[in-house]
Amino acid sequence: MSKRPRQNHSPAFKAKVALAAVKGEKTLVELAQQYDVHPNLINQWRARLLEGAADVFGTEPAATEPAIDVTVLHAKIGELTLANDFLAGALGKAGLAHAQSDDRPRSCAATDRPGAATRDQPRAASTICREPYPRPI
């Protein structure tokens, strides 16, 4: 006796066989012979159909992501930009940040900062680059 190759049945075929089993017009053995599948498979498909039948009518649509209000996001960006510019100006006035024009790259080179240590002078432990991050292009 040779083994049959494993069959992969389409969902449409499974639904058709399961519906025929639910109707009850033929026995499982007759359906198994008609559709050339094992009766246990028909039982499994019928059970899955009956379990999922309530979902067709009872479930509510899946919750979608909340709509993003672009105007609120633009307002927040403007608010944060205003605060960032204010703080950058305040740091510049306090002498904690080196004011640079936007056309030069920002760096922590000793030549860019007045009073910074040069190669001949030892660098103080508290001297660090306090420049803000470069602005995006």
C-alpha atoms as a PDB file:
ATOM      1  CA  MET A   1       0.000   0.000   0.000  1.00  0.00           C
ATOM      2  CA  SER A   2       1.524   3.314  -1.047  1.00  0.00           C
ATOM      3  CA  LYS A   3       1.087   6.556   0.827  1.00  0.00           C
ATOM      4  CA  ARG A   4      -0.790   9.432  -0.732  1.00  0.00           C
ATOM      5  CA  PRO A   5       1.109  12.687  -0.949  1.00  0.00           C
ATOM      6  CA  ARG A   6       0.058  15.310   1.547  1.00  0.00           C
ATOM      7  CA  GLN A   7      -2.653  17.574   0.153  1.00  0.00           C
ATOM      8  CA  ASN A   8      -2.969  21.267   0.856  1.00  0.00           C
ATOM      9  CA  HIS A   9      -6.578  22.319   0.583  1.00  0.00           C
ATOM     10  CA  SER A  10      -7.586  25.880  -0.162  1.00  0.00           C
ATOM     11  CA  PRO A  11      -9.677  27.820   2.352  1.00  0.00           C
ATOM     12  CA  ALA A  12     -12.537  27.944  -0.173  1.00  0.00           C
ATOM     13  CA  PHE A  13     -12.534  24.141  -0.460  1.00  0.00           C
ATOM     14  CA  LYS A  14     -12.472  23.746   3.328  1.00  0.00           C
ATOM     15  CA  ALA A  15     -15.406  26.141   3.678  1.00  0.00           C
ATOM     16  CA  LYS A  16     -17.415  24.287   1.036  1.00  0.00           C
ATOM     17  CA  VAL A  17     -16.866  20.908   2.723  1.00  0.00           C
ATOM     18  CA  ALA A  18     -17.558  22.316   6.202  1.00  0.00           C
ATOM     19  CA  LEU A  19     -20.801  23.932   5.011  1.00  0.00           C
ATOM     20  CA  ALA A  20     -21.888  20.626   3.494  1.00  0.00           C
ATOM     21  CA  ALA A  21     -21.187  18.945   6.844  1.00  0.00           C
ATOM     22  CA  VAL A  22     -23.163  21.616   8.739  1.00  0.00           C
ATOM     23  CA  LYS A  23     -26.148  21.148   6.415  1.00  0.00           C
ATOM     24  CA  GLY A  24     -26.283  17.491   7.433  1.00  0.00           C
ATOM     25  CA  GLU A  25     -27.761  16.249   4.132  1.00  0.00           C
ATOM     26  CA  LYS A  26     -25.047  13.570   3.869  1.00  0.00           C
ATOM     27  CA  THR A  27     -23.111  11.617   6.465  1.00  0.00           C
ATOM     28  CA  LEU A  28     -19.450  12.286   7.156  1.00  0.00           C
ATOM     29  CA  VAL A  29     -18.469   9.081   5.369  1.00  0.00           C
ATOM     30  CA  GLU A  30     -20.390  10.077   2.251  1.00  0.00           C
ATOM     31  CA  LEU A  31     -18.836  13.550   2.293  1.00  0.00           C
ATOM     32  CA  ALA A  32     -15.382  12.050   2.814  1.00  0.00           C
ATOM     33  CA  GLN A  33     -15.829   9.838  -0.247  1.00  0.00           C
ATOM     34  CA  GLN A  34     -17.305  12.659  -2.336  1.00  0.00           C
ATOM     35  CA  TYR A  35     -14.535  15.173  -1.551  1.00  0.00           C
ATOM     36  CA  ASP A  36     -11.738  12.583  -1.111  1.00  0.00           C
ATOM     37  CA  VAL A  37     -10.740  13.693   2.392  1.00  0.00           C
ATOM     38  CA  HIS A  38     -10.665  11.951   5.761  1.00  0.00           C
ATOM     39  CA  PRO A  39     -13.800  12.243   7.934  1.00  0.00           C
ATOM     40  CA  ASN A  40     -11.718  13.609  10.840  1.00  0.00           C
ATOM     41  CA  LEU A  41     -10.665  16.546   8.655  1.00  0.00           C
ATOM     42  CA  ILE A  42     -14.292  17.291   7.857  1.00  0.00           C
ATOM     43  CA  ASN A  43     -15.099  17.283  11.579  1.00  0.00           C
ATOM     44  CA  GLN A  44     -12.206  19.660  12.312  1.00  0.00           C
ATOM     45  CA  TRP A  45     -13.216  22.041   9.528  1.00  0.00           C
ATOM     46  CA  ARG A  46     -16.854  21.965  10.638  1.00  0.00           C
ATOM     47  CA  ALA A  47     -15.856  22.753  14.234  1.00  0.00           C
ATOM     48  CA  ARG A  48     -13.662  25.664  13.115  1.00  0.00           C
ATOM     49  CA  LEU A  49     -16.496  27.000  10.969  1.00  0.00           C
ATOM     50  CA  LEU A  50     -18.936  26.873  13.864  1.00  0.00           C
ATOM     51  CA  GLU A  51     -16.436  28.521  16.248  1.00  0.00           C
ATOM     52  CA  GLY A  52     -15.785  31.350  13.823  1.00  0.00           C
ATOM     53  CA  ALA A  53     -19.414  31.859  12.821  1.00  0.00           C
ATOM     54  CA  ALA A  54     -20.136  34.066  15.821  1.00  0.00           C
ATOM     55  CA  ASP A  55     -17.284  36.372  14.820  1.00  0.00           C
ATOM     56  CA  VAL A  56     -18.966  37.135  11.513  1.00  0.00           C
ATOM     57  CA  PHE A  57     -21.871  38.877  13.243  1.00  0.00           C
ATOM     58  CA  GLY A  58     -20.615  39.645  16.733  1.00  0.00           C
ATOM     59  CA  THR A  59     -17.306  41.409  16.417  1.00  0.00           C
ATOM     60  CA  GLU A  60     -16.943  45.116  16.027  1.00  0.00           C
ATOM     61  CA  PRO A  61     -14.469  46.475  13.530  1.00  0.00           C
ATOM     62  CA  ALA A  62     -10.904  46.559  14.796  1.00  0.00           C
ATOM     63  CA  ALA A  63      -9.945  49.794  16.479  1.00  0.00           C
ATOM     64  CA  THR A  64      -8.000  51.919  14.074  1.00  0.00           C
ATOM     65  CA  GLU A  65      -5.171  54.179  15.092  1.00  0.00           C
ATOM     66  CA  PRO A  66      -6.329  57.586  16.274  1.00  0.00           C
ATOM     67  CA  ALA A  67      -6.229  60.247  13.597  1.00  0.00           C
ATOM     68  CA  ILE A  68      -3.130  62.409  13.831  1.00  0.00           C
ATOM     69  CA  ASP A  69      -3.894  66.112  13.957  1.00  0.00           C
ATOM     70  CA  VAL A  70      -1.134  67.714  11.918  1.00  0.00           C
ATOM     71  CA  THR A  71      -1.964  71.235  13.065  1.00  0.00           C
ATOM     72  CA  VAL A  72      -1.369  70.274  16.698  1.00  0.00           C
ATOM     73  CA  LEU A  73       1.988  68.744  15.763  1.00  0.00           C
ATOM     74  CA  HIS A  74       3.001  71.841  13.808  1.00  0.00           C
ATOM     75  CA  ALA A  75       2.053  74.022  16.775  1.00  0.00           C
ATOM     76  CA  LYS A  76       4.179  71.862  19.081  1.00  0.00           C
ATOM     77  CA  ILE A  77       7.133  72.063  16.674  1.00  0.00           C
ATOM     78  CA  GLY A  78       6.824  75.844  16.602  1.00  0.00           C
ATOM     79  CA  GLU A  79       6.635  76.009  20.383  1.00  0.00           C
ATOM     80  CA  LEU A  80       9.720  73.847  20.817  1.00  0.00           C
ATOM     81  CA  THR A  81      11.633  75.802  18.170  1.00  0.00           C
ATOM     82  CA  LEU A  82      10.804  79.064  19.944  1.00  0.00           C
ATOM     83  CA  ALA A  83      11.959  77.649  23.296  1.00  0.00           C
ATOM     84  CA  ASN A  84      15.144  76.265  21.711  1.00  0.00           C
ATOM     85  CA  ASP A  85      16.004  79.625  20.112  1.00  0.00           C
ATOM     86  CA  PHE A  86      15.322  81.464  23.367  1.00  0.00           C
ATOM     87  CA  LEU A  87      17.549  79.117  25.361  1.00  0.00           C
ATOM     88  CA  ALA A  88      20.307  79.285  22.755  1.00  0.00           C
ATOM     89  CA  GLY A  89      20.226  83.083  22.986  1.00  0.00           C
ATOM     90  CA  ALA A  90      20.229  83.004  26.772  1.00  0.00           C
ATOM     91  CA  LEU A  91      23.232  80.647  26.797  1.00  0.00           C
ATOM     92  CA  GLY A  92      25.023  82.914  24.342  1.00  0.00           C
ATOM     93  CA  LYS A  93      24.438  85.954  26.547  1.00  0.00           C
ATOM     94  CA  ALA A  94      25.614  84.051  29.625  1.00  0.00           C
ATOM     95  CA  GLY A  95      28.823  83.104  27.845  1.00  0.00           C
ATOM     96  CA  LEU A  96      28.154  79.380  28.071  1.00  0.00           C
ATOM     97  CA  ALA A  97      27.747  78.876  24.348  1.00  0.00           C
ATOM     98  CA  HIS A  98      29.745  80.266  21.481  1.00  0.00           C
ATOM     99  CA  ALA A  99      27.495  82.096  19.043  1.00  0.00           C
ATOM    100  CA  GLN A 100      28.263  81.144  15.471  1.00  0.00           C
ATOM    101  CA  SER A 101      26.690  81.960  12.170  1.00  0.00           C
ATOM    102  CA  ASP A 102      24.807  79.153  10.468  1.00  0.00           C
ATOM    103  CA  ASP A 103      27.153  79.064   7.460  1.00  0.00           C
ATOM    104  CA  ARG A 104      30.126  77.732   9.485  1.00  0.00           C
ATOM    105  CA  PRO A 105      30.286  74.188  10.786  1.00  0.00           C
ATOM    106  CA  ARG A 106      30.062  73.940  14.553  1.00  0.00           C
ATOM    107  CA  SER A 107      33.060  72.431  16.267  1.00  0.00           C
ATOM    108  CA  CYS A 108      34.792  72.351  19.604  1.00  0.00           C
ATOM    109  CA  ALA A 109      38.160  73.416  18.280  1.00  0.00           C
ATOM    110  CA  ALA A 110      40.198  75.493  20.723  1.00  0.00           C
ATOM    111  CA  THR A 111      40.726  78.204  18.101  1.00  0.00           C
ATOM    112  CA  ASP A 112      36.964  78.824  17.841  1.00  0.00           C
ATOM    113  CA  ARG A 113      36.515  79.677  21.519  1.00  0.00           C
ATOM    114  CA  PRO A 114      38.118  82.630  23.203  1.00  0.00           C
ATOM    115  CA  GLY A 115      39.899  81.658  26.378  1.00  0.00           C
ATOM    116  CA  ALA A 116      40.091  77.965  25.465  1.00  0.00           C
ATOM    117  CA  ALA A 117      43.240  76.006  26.111  1.00  0.00           C
ATOM    118  CA  THR A 118      45.775  75.877  23.304  1.00  0.00           C
ATOM    119  CA  ARG A 119      48.312  73.194  22.618  1.00  0.00           C
ATOM    120  CA  ASP A 120      50.869  74.854  24.892  1.00  0.00           C
ATOM    121  CA  GLN A 121      48.488  75.355  27.814  1.00  0.00           C
ATOM    122  CA  PRO A 122      47.083  72.445  29.801  1.00  0.00           C
ATOM    123  CA  ARG A 123      43.390  71.951  29.391  1.00  0.00           C
ATOM    124  CA  ALA A 124      41.345  72.504  32.511  1.00  0.00           C
ATOM    125  CA  ALA A 125      39.238  69.590  33.676  1.00  0.00           C
ATOM    126  CA  SER A 126      36.068  71.684  33.572  1.00  0.00           C
ATOM    127  CA  THR A 127      36.594  72.897  29.992  1.00  0.00           C
ATOM    128  CA  ILE A 128      34.191  71.024  27.748  1.00  0.00           C
ATOM    129  CA  CYS A 129      32.453  71.798  24.518  1.00  0.00           C
ATOM    130  CA  ARG A 130      29.191  73.468  25.498  1.00  0.00           C
ATOM    131  CA  GLU A 131      27.993  74.283  22.012  1.00  0.00           C
ATOM    132  CA  PRO A 132      24.503  73.223  21.054  1.00  0.00           C
ATOM    133  CA  TYR A 133      23.943  70.477  18.539  1.00  0.00           C
ATOM    134  CA  PRO A 134      24.231  71.541  14.907  1.00  0.00           C
ATOM    135  CA  ARG A 135      20.990  72.613  13.317  1.00  0.00           C
ATOM    136  CA  PRO A 136      19.535  70.298  10.679  1.00  0.00           C
ATOM    137  CA  ILE A 137      19.892  71.351   7.088  1.00  0.00           C
END
